[in-house]
Amino acid sequence: MLKSYFLFFVFIYASHFSFCQPAEDFMAKGKEMQKKMDYAGSIAMFSKAIKLNPKLSEGYFQRGYSKHLQGKNKEAVVDYDLAFDLNTKQTAEFFFHRAEANRAILEYNEAIEDYNIAVGLKPNYLEAYLNMSFVKAKQKSIVPALGDMSKAIRLGADIAIKRMQIFMMELW
């Protein structure tokens, strides 16, 4: 009889943990799917991680990034904001990606604010200077746009010039 109770509890314990994956497992699966460009799948995995741990700032960031890569930029900004609310000590890359999503939905002032934070955290952030100069040019702030473009050229002339050519074609 004691052996039966023991086996029963072992079965219950093992069953419980085989069905309950920690949030980190879903995060890892989500990142794998993101690398394979399965954004819908990665969003589902990050959502499961968030459901298990609603205070998981990285989960909201990664889900936002997948949404941005899918072109769902308004939803991405919402997730980025939730990530920031949970952890205000974010990386330059966080602010860059939130700026990119804001740029995509034409929220230029918010984008510039985030690009500025990104370059404040990472002073040689070529992509942030480039994209910030494009946003400022779209706002007709030509002198500030040229200042950012000059900084980008100093950081990486070849890349900056190629991106500038693409941007100029978009403007015409």
C-alpha atoms as a PDB file:
ATOM      1  CA  MET A   1       0.000   0.000   0.000  1.00  0.00           C
ATOM      2  CA  LEU A   2       2.802   2.442   0.883  1.00  0.00           C
ATOM      3  CA  LYS A   3       4.491   1.582  -2.389  1.00  0.00           C
ATOM      4  CA  SER A   4       1.255   2.454  -4.271  1.00  0.00           C
ATOM      5  CA  TYR A   5       1.027   5.865  -2.571  1.00  0.00           C
ATOM      6  CA  PHE A   6       4.670   6.561  -3.341  1.00  0.00           C
ATOM      7  CA  LEU A   7       4.214   5.655  -7.024  1.00  0.00           C
ATOM      8  CA  PHE A   8       1.062   7.774  -7.175  1.00  0.00           C
ATOM      9  CA  PHE A   9       2.874  10.851  -5.827  1.00  0.00           C
ATOM     10  CA  VAL A  10       5.850  10.272  -8.123  1.00  0.00           C
ATOM     11  CA  PHE A  11       3.440  10.068 -11.081  1.00  0.00           C
ATOM     12  CA  ILE A  12       1.632  13.284 -10.050  1.00  0.00           C
ATOM     13  CA  TYR A  13       4.923  15.126  -9.469  1.00  0.00           C
ATOM     14  CA  ALA A  14       6.401  13.989 -12.792  1.00  0.00           C
ATOM     15  CA  SER A  15       3.188  14.783 -14.672  1.00  0.00           C
ATOM     16  CA  HIS A  16       3.013  18.270 -13.224  1.00  0.00           C
ATOM     17  CA  PHE A  17       6.523  19.197 -14.321  1.00  0.00           C
ATOM     18  CA  SER A  18       6.287  17.572 -17.724  1.00  0.00           C
ATOM     19  CA  PHE A  19       3.315  19.820 -18.589  1.00  0.00           C
ATOM     20  CA  CYS A  20       4.654  23.015 -17.017  1.00  0.00           C
ATOM     21  CA  GLN A  21       7.497  24.510 -18.967  1.00  0.00           C
ATOM     22  CA  PRO A  22       9.274  27.479 -17.462  1.00  0.00           C
ATOM     23  CA  ALA A  23       9.009  30.820 -19.229  1.00  0.00           C
ATOM     24  CA  GLU A  24      12.692  30.571 -20.206  1.00  0.00           C
ATOM     25  CA  ASP A  25      11.944  27.503 -22.365  1.00  0.00           C
ATOM     26  CA  PHE A  26       9.300  29.421 -24.294  1.00  0.00           C
ATOM     27  CA  MET A  27      11.704  32.364 -24.636  1.00  0.00           C
ATOM     28  CA  ALA A  28      14.377  30.084 -26.105  1.00  0.00           C
ATOM     29  CA  LYS A  29      11.889  28.530 -28.540  1.00  0.00           C
ATOM     30  CA  GLY A  30      10.647  31.978 -29.508  1.00  0.00           C
ATOM     31  CA  LYS A  31      14.169  33.179 -30.269  1.00  0.00           C
ATOM     32  CA  GLU A  32      14.818  30.064 -32.369  1.00  0.00           C
ATOM     33  CA  MET A  33      11.663  30.700 -34.355  1.00  0.00           C
ATOM     34  CA  GLN A  34      12.567  34.373 -34.720  1.00  0.00           C
ATOM     35  CA  LYS A  35      15.937  33.405 -36.249  1.00  0.00           C
ATOM     36  CA  LYS A  36      14.087  31.152 -38.702  1.00  0.00           C
ATOM     37  CA  MET A  37      11.811  34.090 -39.575  1.00  0.00           C
ATOM     38  CA  ASP A  38       8.757  32.305 -38.159  1.00  0.00           C
ATOM     39  CA  TYR A  39       7.455  35.470 -36.583  1.00  0.00           C
ATOM     40  CA  ALA A  40       3.925  34.204 -35.914  1.00  0.00           C
ATOM     41  CA  GLY A  41       5.392  31.199 -34.104  1.00  0.00           C
ATOM     42  CA  SER A  42       7.838  33.324 -32.143  1.00  0.00           C
ATOM     43  CA  ILE A  43       5.050  35.689 -31.090  1.00  0.00           C
ATOM     44  CA  ALA A  44       3.079  32.687 -29.807  1.00  0.00           C
ATOM     45  CA  MET A  45       6.089  31.426 -27.821  1.00  0.00           C
ATOM     46  CA  PHE A  46       6.835  34.839 -26.316  1.00  0.00           C
ATOM     47  CA  SER A  47       3.157  35.210 -25.420  1.00  0.00           C
ATOM     48  CA  LYS A  48       3.289  31.881 -23.571  1.00  0.00           C
ATOM     49  CA  ALA A  49       6.391  33.035 -21.687  1.00  0.00           C
ATOM     50  CA  ILE A  50       4.631  36.280 -20.746  1.00  0.00           C
ATOM     51  CA  LYS A  51       1.565  34.364 -19.596  1.00  0.00           C
ATOM     52  CA  LEU A  52       3.769  32.351 -17.238  1.00  0.00           C
ATOM     53  CA  ASN A  53       5.696  35.418 -16.102  1.00  0.00           C
ATOM     54  CA  PRO A  54       3.833  38.696 -16.765  1.00  0.00           C
ATOM     55  CA  LYS A  55       6.789  40.700 -15.420  1.00  0.00           C
ATOM     56  CA  LEU A  56       9.189  39.336 -18.041  1.00  0.00           C
ATOM     57  CA  SER A  57      10.415  42.511 -19.733  1.00  0.00           C
ATOM     58  CA  GLU A  58      12.489  40.552 -22.269  1.00  0.00           C
ATOM     59  CA  GLY A  59       9.364  38.636 -23.325  1.00  0.00           C
ATOM     60  CA  TYR A  60       7.549  41.843 -24.228  1.00  0.00           C
ATOM     61  CA  PHE A  61      10.635  43.183 -26.015  1.00  0.00           C
ATOM     62  CA  GLN A  62      11.123  40.037 -28.090  1.00  0.00           C
ATOM     63  CA  ARG A  63       7.427  39.788 -28.918  1.00  0.00           C
ATOM     64  CA  GLY A  64       7.501  43.445 -29.970  1.00  0.00           C
ATOM     65  CA  TYR A  65      10.544  42.817 -32.129  1.00  0.00           C
ATOM     66  CA  SER A  66       8.821  39.900 -33.873  1.00  0.00           C
ATOM     67  CA  LYS A  67       5.764  42.070 -34.444  1.00  0.00           C
ATOM     68  CA  HIS A  68       7.976  44.808 -35.890  1.00  0.00           C
ATOM     69  CA  LEU A  69       9.596  42.304 -38.241  1.00  0.00           C
ATOM     70  CA  GLN A  70       6.086  41.258 -39.288  1.00  0.00           C
ATOM     71  CA  GLY A  71       5.175  44.867 -40.033  1.00  0.00           C
ATOM     72  CA  LYS A  72       2.798  45.165 -37.066  1.00  0.00           C
ATOM     73  CA  ASN A  73       4.507  48.286 -35.803  1.00  0.00           C
ATOM     74  CA  LYS A  74       1.703  49.775 -33.682  1.00  0.00           C
ATOM     75  CA  GLU A  75       1.477  46.479 -31.784  1.00  0.00           C
ATOM     76  CA  ALA A  76       5.271  46.394 -31.537  1.00  0.00           C
ATOM     77  CA  VAL A  77       5.356  49.826 -29.893  1.00  0.00           C
ATOM     78  CA  VAL A  78       2.779  48.677 -27.335  1.00  0.00           C
ATOM     79  CA  ASP A  79       4.974  45.693 -26.417  1.00  0.00           C
ATOM     80  CA  TYR A  80       8.119  47.815 -26.337  1.00  0.00           C
ATOM     81  CA  ASP A  81       6.381  50.245 -23.982  1.00  0.00           C
ATOM     82  CA  LEU A  82       5.307  47.364 -21.723  1.00  0.00           C
ATOM     83  CA  ALA A  83       8.900  46.101 -21.674  1.00  0.00           C
ATOM     84  CA  PHE A  84      10.116  49.570 -20.728  1.00  0.00           C
ATOM     85  CA  ASP A  85       7.489  49.914 -17.991  1.00  0.00           C
ATOM     86  CA  LEU A  86       8.819  46.711 -16.426  1.00  0.00           C
ATOM     87  CA  ASN A  87      12.489  47.625 -16.820  1.00  0.00           C
ATOM     88  CA  THR A  88      13.555  51.194 -17.487  1.00  0.00           C
ATOM     89  CA  LYS A  89      17.229  50.169 -17.766  1.00  0.00           C
ATOM     90  CA  GLN A  90      17.129  49.139 -21.416  1.00  0.00           C
ATOM     91  CA  THR A  91      19.926  48.791 -23.957  1.00  0.00           C
ATOM     92  CA  ALA A  92      20.718  51.027 -26.899  1.00  0.00           C
ATOM     93  CA  GLU A  93      19.303  48.289 -29.147  1.00  0.00           C
ATOM     94  CA  PHE A  94      15.984  48.434 -27.310  1.00  0.00           C
ATOM     95  CA  PHE A  95      15.657  52.171 -27.988  1.00  0.00           C
ATOM     96  CA  PHE A  96      16.798  51.714 -31.592  1.00  0.00           C
ATOM     97  CA  HIS A  97      14.147  49.060 -32.269  1.00  0.00           C
ATOM     98  CA  ARG A  98      11.397  51.086 -30.609  1.00  0.00           C
ATOM     99  CA  ALA A  99      12.507  54.077 -32.703  1.00  0.00           C
ATOM    100  CA  GLU A 100      12.300  51.943 -35.840  1.00  0.00           C
ATOM    101  CA  ALA A 101       8.743  50.862 -35.043  1.00  0.00           C
ATOM    102  CA  ASN A 102       7.763  54.478 -34.316  1.00  0.00           C
ATOM    103  CA  ARG A 103       9.391  55.609 -37.559  1.00  0.00           C
ATOM    104  CA  ALA A 104       7.373  53.003 -39.457  1.00  0.00           C
ATOM    105  CA  ILE A 105       4.101  54.385 -38.065  1.00  0.00           C
ATOM    106  CA  LEU A 106       5.251  57.960 -38.759  1.00  0.00           C
ATOM    107  CA  GLU A 107       5.626  58.882 -35.083  1.00  0.00           C
ATOM    108  CA  TYR A 108       8.760  60.837 -35.886  1.00  0.00           C
ATOM    109  CA  ASN A 109       9.146  62.787 -32.637  1.00  0.00           C
ATOM    110  CA  GLU A 110       9.030  59.581 -30.589  1.00  0.00           C
ATOM    111  CA  ALA A 111      11.464  57.942 -32.993  1.00  0.00           C
ATOM    112  CA  ILE A 112      13.957  60.810 -32.703  1.00  0.00           C
ATOM    113  CA  GLU A 113      13.689  60.729 -28.920  1.00  0.00           C
ATOM    114  CA  ASP A 114      14.544  57.016 -28.887  1.00  0.00           C
ATOM    115  CA  TYR A 115      17.353  57.379 -31.441  1.00  0.00           C
ATOM    116  CA  ASN A 116      18.850  60.094 -29.225  1.00  0.00           C
ATOM    117  CA  ILE A 117      18.710  57.793 -26.206  1.00  0.00           C
ATOM    118  CA  ALA A 118      20.279  54.989 -28.260  1.00  0.00           C
ATOM    119  CA  VAL A 119      23.232  57.138 -29.346  1.00  0.00           C
ATOM    120  CA  GLY A 120      23.558  58.457 -25.797  1.00  0.00           C
ATOM    121  CA  LEU A 121      23.992  54.874 -24.599  1.00  0.00           C
ATOM    122  CA  LYS A 122      26.117  53.833 -27.567  1.00  0.00           C
ATOM    123  CA  PRO A 123      27.883  56.892 -29.035  1.00  0.00           C
ATOM    124  CA  ASN A 124      29.137  55.087 -32.157  1.00  0.00           C
ATOM    125  CA  TYR A 125      25.744  53.645 -33.145  1.00  0.00           C
ATOM    126  CA  LEU A 126      25.977  54.099 -36.922  1.00  0.00           C
ATOM    127  CA  GLU A 127      22.487  52.779 -37.758  1.00  0.00           C
ATOM    128  CA  ALA A 128      20.859  55.048 -35.186  1.00  0.00           C
ATOM    129  CA  TYR A 129      22.577  58.154 -36.591  1.00  0.00           C
ATOM    130  CA  LEU A 130      21.665  57.155 -40.152  1.00  0.00           C
ATOM    131  CA  ASN A 131      18.022  56.489 -39.452  1.00  0.00           C
ATOM    132  CA  MET A 132      17.692  59.538 -37.222  1.00  0.00           C
ATOM    133  CA  SER A 133      19.057  61.700 -40.044  1.00  0.00           C
ATOM    134  CA  PHE A 134      16.440  60.239 -42.406  1.00  0.00           C
ATOM    135  CA  VAL A 135      13.629  60.996 -39.966  1.00  0.00           C
ATOM    136  CA  LYS A 136      14.849  64.547 -39.464  1.00  0.00           C
ATOM    137  CA  ALA A 137      15.077  65.017 -43.233  1.00  0.00           C
ATOM    138  CA  LYS A 138      11.480  63.819 -43.598  1.00  0.00           C
ATOM    139  CA  GLN A 139      10.523  66.437 -41.007  1.00  0.00           C
ATOM    140  CA  LYS A 140      12.355  69.057 -43.129  1.00  0.00           C
ATOM    141  CA  SER A 141      14.948  69.597 -40.365  1.00  0.00           C
ATOM    142  CA  ILE A 142      17.758  69.646 -42.891  1.00  0.00           C
ATOM    143  CA  VAL A 143      20.616  71.096 -40.812  1.00  0.00           C
ATOM    144  CA  PRO A 144      20.119  68.618 -37.911  1.00  0.00           C
ATOM    145  CA  ALA A 145      19.705  65.809 -40.462  1.00  0.00           C
ATOM    146  CA  LEU A 146      23.020  66.737 -42.073  1.00  0.00           C
ATOM    147  CA  GLY A 147      24.716  66.769 -38.663  1.00  0.00           C
ATOM    148  CA  ASP A 148      23.541  63.212 -37.960  1.00  0.00           C
ATOM    149  CA  MET A 149      24.493  62.104 -41.465  1.00  0.00           C
ATOM    150  CA  SER A 150      27.984  63.598 -41.038  1.00  0.00           C
ATOM    151  CA  LYS A 151      28.404  61.634 -37.812  1.00  0.00           C
ATOM    152  CA  ALA A 152      27.211  58.470 -39.591  1.00  0.00           C
ATOM    153  CA  ILE A 153      29.687  59.031 -42.433  1.00  0.00           C
ATOM    154  CA  ARG A 154      32.526  59.451 -39.914  1.00  0.00           C
ATOM    155  CA  LEU A 155      31.477  56.154 -38.306  1.00  0.00           C
ATOM    156  CA  GLY A 156      31.173  54.186 -41.546  1.00  0.00           C
ATOM    157  CA  ALA A 157      31.367  56.025 -44.845  1.00  0.00           C
ATOM    158  CA  ASP A 158      30.596  53.125 -47.182  1.00  0.00           C
ATOM    159  CA  ILE A 159      27.486  52.009 -45.330  1.00  0.00           C
ATOM    160  CA  ALA A 160      26.268  55.565 -44.769  1.00  0.00           C
ATOM    161  CA  ILE A 161      26.653  56.533 -48.421  1.00  0.00           C
ATOM    162  CA  LYS A 162      24.850  53.401 -49.658  1.00  0.00           C
ATOM    163  CA  ARG A 163      21.975  53.960 -47.233  1.00  0.00           C
ATOM    164  CA  MET A 164      21.868  57.646 -48.133  1.00  0.00           C
ATOM    165  CA  GLN A 165      21.453  56.748 -51.816  1.00  0.00           C
ATOM    166  CA  ILE A 166      18.533  54.445 -50.981  1.00  0.00           C
ATOM    167  CA  PHE A 167      16.931  57.114 -48.834  1.00  0.00           C
ATOM    168  CA  MET A 168      17.300  59.758 -51.548  1.00  0.00           C
ATOM    169  CA  MET A 169      15.480  57.476 -53.999  1.00  0.00           C
ATOM    170  CA  GLU A 170      12.648  57.132 -51.476  1.00  0.00           C
ATOM    171  CA  LEU A 171      12.361  60.906 -51.175  1.00  0.00           C
ATOM    172  CA  TRP A 172      12.076  61.466 -54.930  1.00  0.00           C
END
